[in-house]
N, C-alpha and C. Protein backbone atom coordinates (compact mmCIF):
# COMPACT_ATOMS: atom_id res chain seq x y z
N MET A 1 0.80 -1.15 0.00
CA MET A 1 0.02 0.03 0.02
C MET A 1 0.92 1.18 0.02
N ALA A 2 2.15 1.04 0.22
CA ALA A 2 3.13 2.21 0.31
C ALA A 2 3.45 2.92 -1.18
N ASN A 3 2.88 2.40 -2.42
CA ASN A 3 3.23 2.78 -3.49
C ASN A 3 3.04 4.41 -3.32
N LEU A 4 3.52 5.13 -4.56
CA LEU A 4 3.34 6.30 -4.49
C LEU A 4 1.98 7.20 -4.71
N THR A 5 1.10 6.20 -5.47
CA THR A 5 -0.53 6.94 -5.59
C THR A 5 -1.15 6.90 -4.19
N CYS A 6 -0.93 5.76 -3.63
CA CYS A 6 -1.51 5.71 -2.16
C CYS A 6 -1.04 6.89 -1.29
N ARG A 7 0.44 6.85 -1.19
CA ARG A 7 0.84 8.01 -0.43
C ARG A 7 0.51 9.50 -0.97
N ILE A 8 0.18 9.77 -2.26
CA ILE A 8 0.18 11.48 -2.60
C ILE A 8 -1.51 11.12 -2.16
N LEU A 9 -2.33 10.22 -2.34
CA LEU A 9 -3.56 10.64 -1.93
C LEU A 9 -3.90 10.67 -0.45
N TRP A 10 -3.02 9.95 0.41
CA TRP A 10 -2.89 10.02 1.82
C TRP A 10 -2.36 11.38 2.16
N TRP A 11 -1.80 11.89 1.52
CA TRP A 11 -1.15 13.24 1.69
C TRP A 11 -1.58 14.59 1.58
N VAL A 12 -2.58 14.47 0.35
CA VAL A 12 -3.54 15.29 -0.16
C VAL A 12 -4.62 15.52 0.73
N LEU A 13 -5.13 14.54 1.21
CA LEU A 13 -6.00 14.39 2.13
C LEU A 13 -5.63 14.92 3.47
N ILE A 14 -4.68 14.48 3.95
CA ILE A 14 -4.18 14.93 4.90
C ILE A 14 -4.29 17.03 5.08
N GLY A 15 -3.64 17.39 4.01
CA GLY A 15 -3.70 18.56 3.44
C GLY A 15 -4.68 19.04 3.82
N SER A 16 -5.65 18.51 3.13
CA SER A 16 -7.11 19.35 3.10
C SER A 16 -7.69 19.18 4.26
N LEU A 17 -7.33 18.40 5.38
CA LEU A 17 -7.89 18.68 6.76
C LEU A 17 -7.05 20.04 7.18
N VAL A 18 -5.92 19.96 6.80
CA VAL A 18 -5.34 21.19 7.41
C VAL A 18 -6.01 22.56 6.64
N VAL A 19 -6.47 22.44 5.52
CA VAL A 19 -7.21 23.78 4.63
C VAL A 19 -8.34 23.93 5.65
N TYR A 20 -9.26 23.13 6.01
CA TYR A 20 -10.35 23.15 6.54
C TYR A 20 -10.27 24.15 7.85
N VAL A 21 -9.29 23.71 8.41
CA VAL A 21 -8.98 24.66 9.62
C VAL A 21 -8.55 25.89 9.39
N ALA A 22 -7.78 26.23 8.50
CA ALA A 22 -7.41 27.55 7.79
C ALA A 22 -8.58 28.27 7.33
N VAL A 23 -9.17 27.65 6.74
CA VAL A 23 -10.68 28.43 5.89
C VAL A 23 -11.44 28.74 7.21
N ALA A 24 -11.60 27.57 8.16
CA ALA A 24 -12.66 27.94 9.28
C ALA A 24 -12.26 29.26 10.02
N HIS A 25 -10.65 29.48 10.29
CA HIS A 25 -9.98 30.64 10.86
C HIS A 25 -10.32 31.85 10.10
N VAL A 26 -10.04 31.84 8.84
CA VAL A 26 -10.16 32.92 8.05
C VAL A 26 -11.24 33.47 7.53
N ALA A 27 -12.40 32.60 7.16
CA ALA A 27 -13.73 32.87 7.02
C ALA A 27 -14.37 33.67 7.95
N GLN A 28 -15.21 34.87 7.27
CA GLN A 28 -15.59 35.92 7.67
C GLN A 28 -17.34 35.23 7.97
N VAL A 29 -17.48 34.53 9.06
CA VAL A 29 -18.92 33.66 8.97
C VAL A 29 -19.79 34.37 10.05
N VAL A 30 -21.06 34.86 9.66
CA VAL A 30 -22.26 35.18 10.22
C VAL A 30 -22.89 34.15 11.22
N PRO A 31 -22.69 33.84 12.53
CA PRO A 31 -23.51 32.75 13.11
C PRO A 31 -25.15 32.37 12.53
N ASN A 32 -25.03 31.30 12.16
CA ASN A 32 -26.66 30.92 12.20
C ASN A 32 -27.29 30.81 13.45
N GLN A 33 -28.35 31.79 13.83
CA GLN A 33 -28.97 31.13 15.13
C GLN A 33 -29.86 30.34 15.21
N ASN A 34 -30.41 29.79 14.02
CA ASN A 34 -31.26 28.93 14.15
C ASN A 34 -30.66 27.37 14.06
N ALA A 35 -29.36 27.54 13.81
CA ALA A 35 -28.72 26.17 13.97
C ALA A 35 -28.81 25.42 15.31
N PRO A 36 -29.06 24.42 15.25
CA PRO A 36 -28.93 23.59 16.69
C PRO A 36 -27.73 22.99 16.99
N ILE A 37 -26.42 23.94 17.38
CA ILE A 37 -25.35 23.40 17.43
C ILE A 37 -25.20 22.69 18.89
N SER A 38 -26.13 22.70 19.76
CA SER A 38 -25.90 21.77 20.80
C SER A 38 -26.76 20.46 20.24
N LEU A 39 -27.37 20.10 19.48
CA LEU A 39 -27.88 19.11 19.23
C LEU A 39 -26.63 18.35 18.39
N LEU A 40 -26.31 19.24 17.19
CA LEU A 40 -25.27 18.49 15.97
C LEU A 40 -24.24 18.25 16.42
N PHE A 41 -23.57 18.95 17.50
CA PHE A 41 -22.25 18.64 18.09
C PHE A 41 -22.11 17.24 18.90
N PRO A 42 -22.95 16.67 19.57
CA PRO A 42 -23.02 15.42 19.97
C PRO A 42 -23.14 14.44 18.85
N VAL A 43 -23.90 14.73 18.11
CA VAL A 43 -24.57 14.03 16.98
C VAL A 43 -23.30 13.65 15.99
N PHE A 44 -22.60 14.74 15.69
CA PHE A 44 -21.28 14.50 14.85
C PHE A 44 -20.08 13.98 15.86
N VAL A 45 -20.22 13.86 16.83
CA VAL A 45 -18.90 13.58 17.82
C VAL A 45 -19.29 11.88 17.48
N ALA A 46 -20.39 11.47 18.05
CA ALA A 46 -21.30 9.94 17.99
C ALA A 46 -20.79 9.29 16.66
N LEU A 47 -21.37 10.16 15.73
CA LEU A 47 -20.61 10.03 14.03
C LEU A 47 -19.42 9.49 14.21
N SER A 48 -18.52 10.68 14.36
CA SER A 48 -17.43 10.38 14.32
C SER A 48 -16.73 9.11 15.02
N ILE A 49 -17.11 8.82 16.46
CA ILE A 49 -16.91 7.47 16.92
C ILE A 49 -17.28 6.55 16.02
N ALA A 50 -18.21 6.15 15.85
CA ALA A 50 -18.95 5.46 15.14
C ALA A 50 -17.91 4.93 13.36
N ILE A 51 -17.53 6.23 13.12
CA ILE A 51 -16.73 6.12 11.79
C ILE A 51 -15.63 5.40 12.21
N ALA A 52 -14.66 6.16 13.35
CA ALA A 52 -13.72 5.60 13.62
C ALA A 52 -13.59 3.96 13.99
N ILE A 53 -14.20 3.57 14.64
CA ILE A 53 -14.60 2.19 15.03
C ILE A 53 -14.93 1.38 13.74
N ALA A 54 -15.79 1.90 12.83
CA ALA A 54 -15.89 1.11 11.38
C ALA A 54 -14.76 0.99 10.49
N THR A 55 -14.16 2.16 10.24
CA THR A 55 -12.83 2.04 9.67
C THR A 55 -11.79 1.30 10.24
N ILE A 56 -11.49 1.31 11.50
CA ILE A 56 -10.65 0.14 11.99
C ILE A 56 -11.25 -1.27 11.52
N ILE A 57 -12.42 -1.46 11.78
CA ILE A 57 -12.99 -3.07 11.65
C ILE A 57 -12.75 -3.21 9.95
N ILE A 58 -13.12 -2.28 8.95
CA ILE A 58 -12.78 -2.38 7.75
C ILE A 58 -11.44 -2.73 7.33
N ARG A 59 -10.50 -1.82 8.09
CA ARG A 59 -8.99 -2.15 8.10
C ARG A 59 -8.62 -3.66 8.17
N ARG A 60 -9.10 -4.03 9.49
CA ARG A 60 -8.59 -5.13 9.89
C ARG A 60 -9.27 -6.33 9.21
N ARG A 61 -10.41 -6.36 8.64
CA ARG A 61 -10.85 -7.49 8.00
C ARG A 61 -10.65 -7.44 6.56
N ALA A 62 -10.48 -6.10 5.94
CA ALA A 62 -10.19 -6.08 4.36
C ALA A 62 -8.92 -5.95 4.23
N LEU A 63 -8.29 -5.37 4.99
CA LEU A 63 -6.48 -5.13 4.77
C LEU A 63 -5.48 -6.01 5.31
N SER A 64 -5.68 -5.37 6.56
CA SER A 64 -4.69 -5.93 7.71
C SER A 64 -4.37 -7.85 7.85
N GLU A 65 -5.61 -8.21 7.95
CA GLU A 65 -5.72 -9.76 8.06
C GLU A 65 -5.31 -10.51 6.87
N PRO A 66 -5.96 -10.14 5.71
CA PRO A 66 -5.54 -10.60 4.61
C PRO A 66 -4.06 -10.61 4.19
N ILE A 67 -3.66 -9.23 4.26
CA ILE A 67 -2.21 -9.06 4.05
C ILE A 67 -1.32 -9.79 5.11
N GLN A 68 -1.57 -9.96 6.28
CA GLN A 68 -0.71 -10.45 7.23
C GLN A 68 -0.90 -12.13 6.84
N ALA A 69 -2.01 -12.83 6.29
CA ALA A 69 -2.08 -14.03 6.35
C ALA A 69 -1.62 -14.52 4.73
N GLY A 70 -1.23 -13.63 4.02
CA GLY A 70 -0.55 -13.86 2.60
C GLY A 70 -2.11 -14.01 1.39
N ARG A 71 -2.90 -13.72 2.21
CA ARG A 71 -4.20 -13.79 1.09
C ARG A 71 -4.19 -12.46 0.18
N LEU A 72 -3.74 -11.66 0.59
CA LEU A 72 -3.59 -10.10 -0.15
C LEU A 72 -2.54 -9.90 -0.40
N ASP A 73 -1.82 -9.29 -1.33
CA ASP A 73 0.05 -9.17 -1.66
C ASP A 73 -0.78 -7.59 -2.54
N PRO A 74 -0.66 -6.45 -2.06
CA PRO A 74 -0.70 -5.20 -2.27
C PRO A 74 0.25 -4.87 -3.52
N SER A 75 1.65 -5.62 -3.12
CA SER A 75 2.60 -5.26 -4.14
C SER A 75 2.48 -5.65 -5.57
N THR A 76 1.38 -6.55 -5.44
CA THR A 76 1.29 -7.01 -6.87
C THR A 76 -0.11 -6.16 -7.75
N PRO A 77 0.14 -6.18 -8.82
CA PRO A 77 -1.34 -5.06 -9.45
C PRO A 77 -2.56 -5.93 -8.91
N GLN A 78 -2.71 -7.03 -9.28
CA GLN A 78 -4.20 -7.45 -8.62
C GLN A 78 -4.41 -7.32 -7.18
N GLY A 79 -3.55 -7.55 -6.31
CA GLY A 79 -3.37 -7.38 -5.27
C GLY A 79 -3.96 -5.87 -4.64
N LEU A 80 -2.95 -5.06 -5.34
CA LEU A 80 -3.33 -3.37 -4.91
C LEU A 80 -4.67 -2.95 -5.56
N GLN A 81 -5.15 -3.63 -6.70
CA GLN A 81 -6.68 -3.43 -7.05
C GLN A 81 -7.36 -3.82 -5.97
N ALA A 82 -7.65 -4.95 -5.49
CA ALA A 82 -8.46 -5.46 -4.48
C ALA A 82 -8.12 -4.82 -3.19
N ALA A 83 -7.29 -4.28 -2.94
CA ALA A 83 -6.67 -3.41 -1.33
C ALA A 83 -7.10 -2.10 -1.68
N PHE A 84 -7.02 -1.66 -3.01
CA PHE A 84 -7.45 -0.44 -2.62
C PHE A 84 -8.77 0.39 -2.66
N THR A 85 -9.67 -0.40 -3.04
CA THR A 85 -11.14 -0.10 -2.46
C THR A 85 -11.35 0.23 -1.15
N PRO A 86 -10.97 -0.91 -0.08
CA PRO A 86 -11.39 -0.46 1.41
C PRO A 86 -10.23 0.56 1.88
N PHE A 87 -9.03 0.52 1.16
CA PHE A 87 -8.09 1.80 1.75
C PHE A 87 -8.53 3.13 1.33
N ILE A 88 -9.15 3.23 0.17
CA ILE A 88 -9.56 4.43 -0.01
C ILE A 88 -11.01 4.98 0.58
N LEU A 89 -11.65 3.90 1.08
CA LEU A 89 -12.69 4.07 1.72
C LEU A 89 -12.66 4.42 3.07
N ASN A 90 -11.63 3.93 3.67
CA ASN A 90 -11.01 4.35 5.08
C ASN A 90 -10.60 5.81 5.10
N LEU A 91 -9.80 6.06 4.24
CA LEU A 91 -9.41 7.47 4.04
C LEU A 91 -10.53 8.22 3.80
N VAL A 92 -11.41 8.05 3.04
CA VAL A 92 -12.48 9.04 2.77
C VAL A 92 -13.21 9.23 3.98
N LEU A 93 -13.82 7.88 4.56
CA LEU A 93 -14.68 8.21 5.82
C LEU A 93 -13.80 9.13 7.14
N SER A 94 -12.66 8.80 7.02
CA SER A 94 -11.67 9.60 8.06
C SER A 94 -11.60 10.99 7.78
N GLU A 95 -11.73 11.48 6.38
CA GLU A 95 -11.70 12.60 6.23
C GLU A 95 -13.13 13.56 6.68
N SER A 96 -14.14 12.50 6.53
CA SER A 96 -15.41 13.16 6.77
C SER A 96 -15.68 13.55 7.98
N VAL A 97 -14.88 13.10 9.05
CA VAL A 97 -14.94 13.66 10.58
C VAL A 97 -14.30 14.94 10.36
N GLY A 98 -13.35 15.46 9.73
CA GLY A 98 -12.81 16.96 9.46
C GLY A 98 -14.07 17.68 9.01
N ILE A 99 -14.47 17.17 8.04
CA ILE A 99 -15.52 18.07 7.35
C ILE A 99 -16.91 18.52 8.41
N TYR A 100 -17.21 17.54 9.12
CA TYR A 100 -17.91 17.69 10.31
C TYR A 100 -17.59 19.13 10.94
N GLY A 101 -16.30 18.78 11.49
CA GLY A 101 -15.94 20.21 12.31
C GLY A 101 -16.08 21.28 11.70
N LEU A 102 -15.78 21.51 10.24
CA LEU A 102 -15.90 22.22 9.21
C LEU A 102 -17.51 22.90 9.07
N VAL A 103 -18.51 22.19 9.15
CA VAL A 103 -19.54 22.42 8.96
C VAL A 103 -19.97 23.04 10.35
N LEU A 104 -19.79 22.63 11.60
CA LEU A 104 -20.16 23.01 12.64
C LEU A 104 -19.54 24.74 12.85
N ALA A 105 -18.11 24.68 12.26
CA ALA A 105 -17.74 26.00 12.43
C ALA A 105 -18.37 27.29 11.27
N PHE A 106 -18.77 26.69 10.45
CA PHE A 106 -19.49 27.53 9.70
C PHE A 106 -20.97 27.89 9.96
N LEU A 107 -21.60 26.95 10.71
CA LEU A 107 -22.71 27.31 11.24
C LEU A 107 -22.81 28.25 12.77
N SER A 108 -21.61 28.10 13.34
CA SER A 108 -21.71 28.57 14.62
C SER A 108 -20.59 29.83 14.70
N ALA A 109 -19.71 29.84 13.86
CA ALA A 109 -18.59 30.99 13.42
C ALA A 109 -17.49 30.77 14.78
N GLN A 110 -17.46 29.65 15.11
CA GLN A 110 -16.20 28.90 16.23
C GLN A 110 -15.57 28.12 15.11
N PRO A 111 -14.37 28.87 14.96
CA PRO A 111 -13.31 27.74 14.22
C PRO A 111 -12.46 26.68 15.03
N LEU A 112 -12.62 26.81 16.21
CA LEU A 112 -12.30 25.42 17.35
C LEU A 112 -13.02 24.42 17.25
N TYR A 113 -14.16 24.40 16.46
CA TYR A 113 -14.80 23.08 16.00
C TYR A 113 -14.05 22.30 15.22
N SER A 114 -13.56 23.08 14.01
CA SER A 114 -12.89 22.60 12.85
C SER A 114 -11.57 22.11 13.37
N ALA A 115 -10.90 22.77 14.10
CA ALA A 115 -9.39 22.16 14.65
C ALA A 115 -9.72 21.03 15.57
N GLY A 116 -10.40 21.14 16.20
CA GLY A 116 -10.94 19.81 17.05
C GLY A 116 -11.17 18.47 16.15
N PHE A 117 -12.16 18.78 15.29
CA PHE A 117 -12.60 17.42 14.37
C PHE A 117 -11.68 17.16 13.42
N SER A 118 -10.81 18.19 12.87
CA SER A 118 -9.62 17.84 11.99
C SER A 118 -8.61 17.19 12.67
N ALA A 119 -8.31 17.56 14.12
CA ALA A 119 -7.16 16.92 14.83
C ALA A 119 -7.56 15.13 15.07
N ALA A 120 -8.92 15.22 15.38
CA ALA A 120 -9.57 13.58 15.42
C ALA A 120 -9.16 13.16 14.21
N ALA A 121 -9.60 13.68 13.02
CA ALA A 121 -9.53 13.14 11.40
C ALA A 121 -7.88 12.59 11.23
N ILE A 122 -7.04 13.81 11.39
CA ILE A 122 -5.88 13.35 10.91
C ILE A 122 -5.21 12.21 12.16
N ALA A 123 -5.74 12.11 13.44
CA ALA A 123 -5.35 11.04 14.01
C ALA A 123 -5.81 9.37 13.24
N LEU A 124 -6.98 9.55 12.81
CA LEU A 124 -7.37 8.54 12.25
C LEU A 124 -6.85 8.06 10.94
N MET A 125 -6.48 9.43 10.23
CA MET A 125 -5.52 9.07 9.01
C MET A 125 -4.35 8.53 9.42
N PHE A 126 -3.74 8.84 10.55
CA PHE A 126 -2.44 8.23 10.84
C PHE A 126 -2.83 6.83 10.71
N VAL A 127 -3.80 6.34 11.68
CA VAL A 127 -4.06 4.94 11.90
C VAL A 127 -3.91 4.15 10.45
N HIS A 128 -4.40 5.13 9.39
CA HIS A 128 -4.81 4.36 8.15
C HIS A 128 -3.85 4.63 7.05
N ARG A 129 -2.66 5.24 7.39
CA ARG A 129 -1.30 5.62 6.74
C ARG A 129 -0.80 4.47 5.77
N PRO A 130 -0.87 4.76 4.37
CA PRO A 130 -0.10 3.51 3.27
C PRO A 130 1.16 2.79 3.85
N THR A 131 1.87 3.68 4.87
CA THR A 131 3.00 3.12 5.13
C THR A 131 2.97 2.41 6.44
N ALA A 132 1.77 1.83 7.03
CA ALA A 132 1.69 1.17 8.40
C ALA A 132 2.45 -0.09 8.14
N ARG A 133 2.82 -0.79 9.31
CA ARG A 133 3.46 -2.07 9.35
C ARG A 133 2.73 -3.00 8.98
N ASP A 134 1.23 -2.89 9.35
CA ASP A 134 0.33 -3.91 9.25
C ASP A 134 -0.05 -4.07 7.70
N LEU A 135 0.36 -3.19 6.72
CA LEU A 135 -0.03 -3.20 5.43
C LEU A 135 0.87 -3.45 4.63
N VAL A 136 2.02 -4.19 5.08
CA VAL A 136 3.30 -4.48 4.55
C VAL A 136 3.15 -6.20 4.29
N PRO A 137 3.17 -6.93 3.10
CA PRO A 137 3.10 -8.25 3.31
C PRO A 137 4.08 -8.92 4.06
N PRO A 138 4.09 -10.22 4.67
CA PRO A 138 5.10 -10.78 5.40
C PRO A 138 6.20 -11.26 4.45
N MET A 139 7.18 -11.30 4.77
CA MET A 139 8.37 -11.75 3.84
C MET A 139 7.93 -12.93 2.93
N SER A 140 7.18 -13.75 3.59
CA SER A 140 7.00 -15.32 2.86
C SER A 140 5.91 -15.27 1.88
N ALA A 141 5.29 -13.97 2.10
CA ALA A 141 4.33 -13.89 0.93
C ALA A 141 4.69 -12.80 -0.51
N GLN A 142 5.55 -12.55 -0.33
CA GLN A 142 6.63 -11.36 -1.19
C GLN A 142 7.05 -12.18 -2.25
N ARG A 143 6.88 -11.85 -3.41
CA ARG A 143 7.73 -12.22 -4.50
C ARG A 143 9.12 -12.41 -4.38
N PRO A 144 9.85 -13.16 -5.08
CA PRO A 144 11.39 -13.22 -5.05
C PRO A 144 11.65 -11.87 -6.01
């Protein structure tokens, strides 16, 4: 999974999380008095936790376990094609956590929402990084 394409995608998504925070701080937003921030915040937190758990389960079942068992080798074109879908799904779901913070920041005019949710998203993206040890096939499964 540590090929150039996966690394570039990962870095671009990390960069966009940083941009979300910058945009939330720079944008001149008028708070929406009708927005139910006190309701949305716990809903988005719960959704973010559910996404974190789901992505870790997807990673374990679709990537980590098959790679470590030798059933999936992302260093081959066929293996990379099979592994790419769960890999990018995890990255996009992790990215959505940062988007929740940006939405809250725009609705409330409080940029700290974006910073907090983006920090959580970056932590989750770190878990799903393409260079993680559990995404490297064991030596016995690699081609000579």
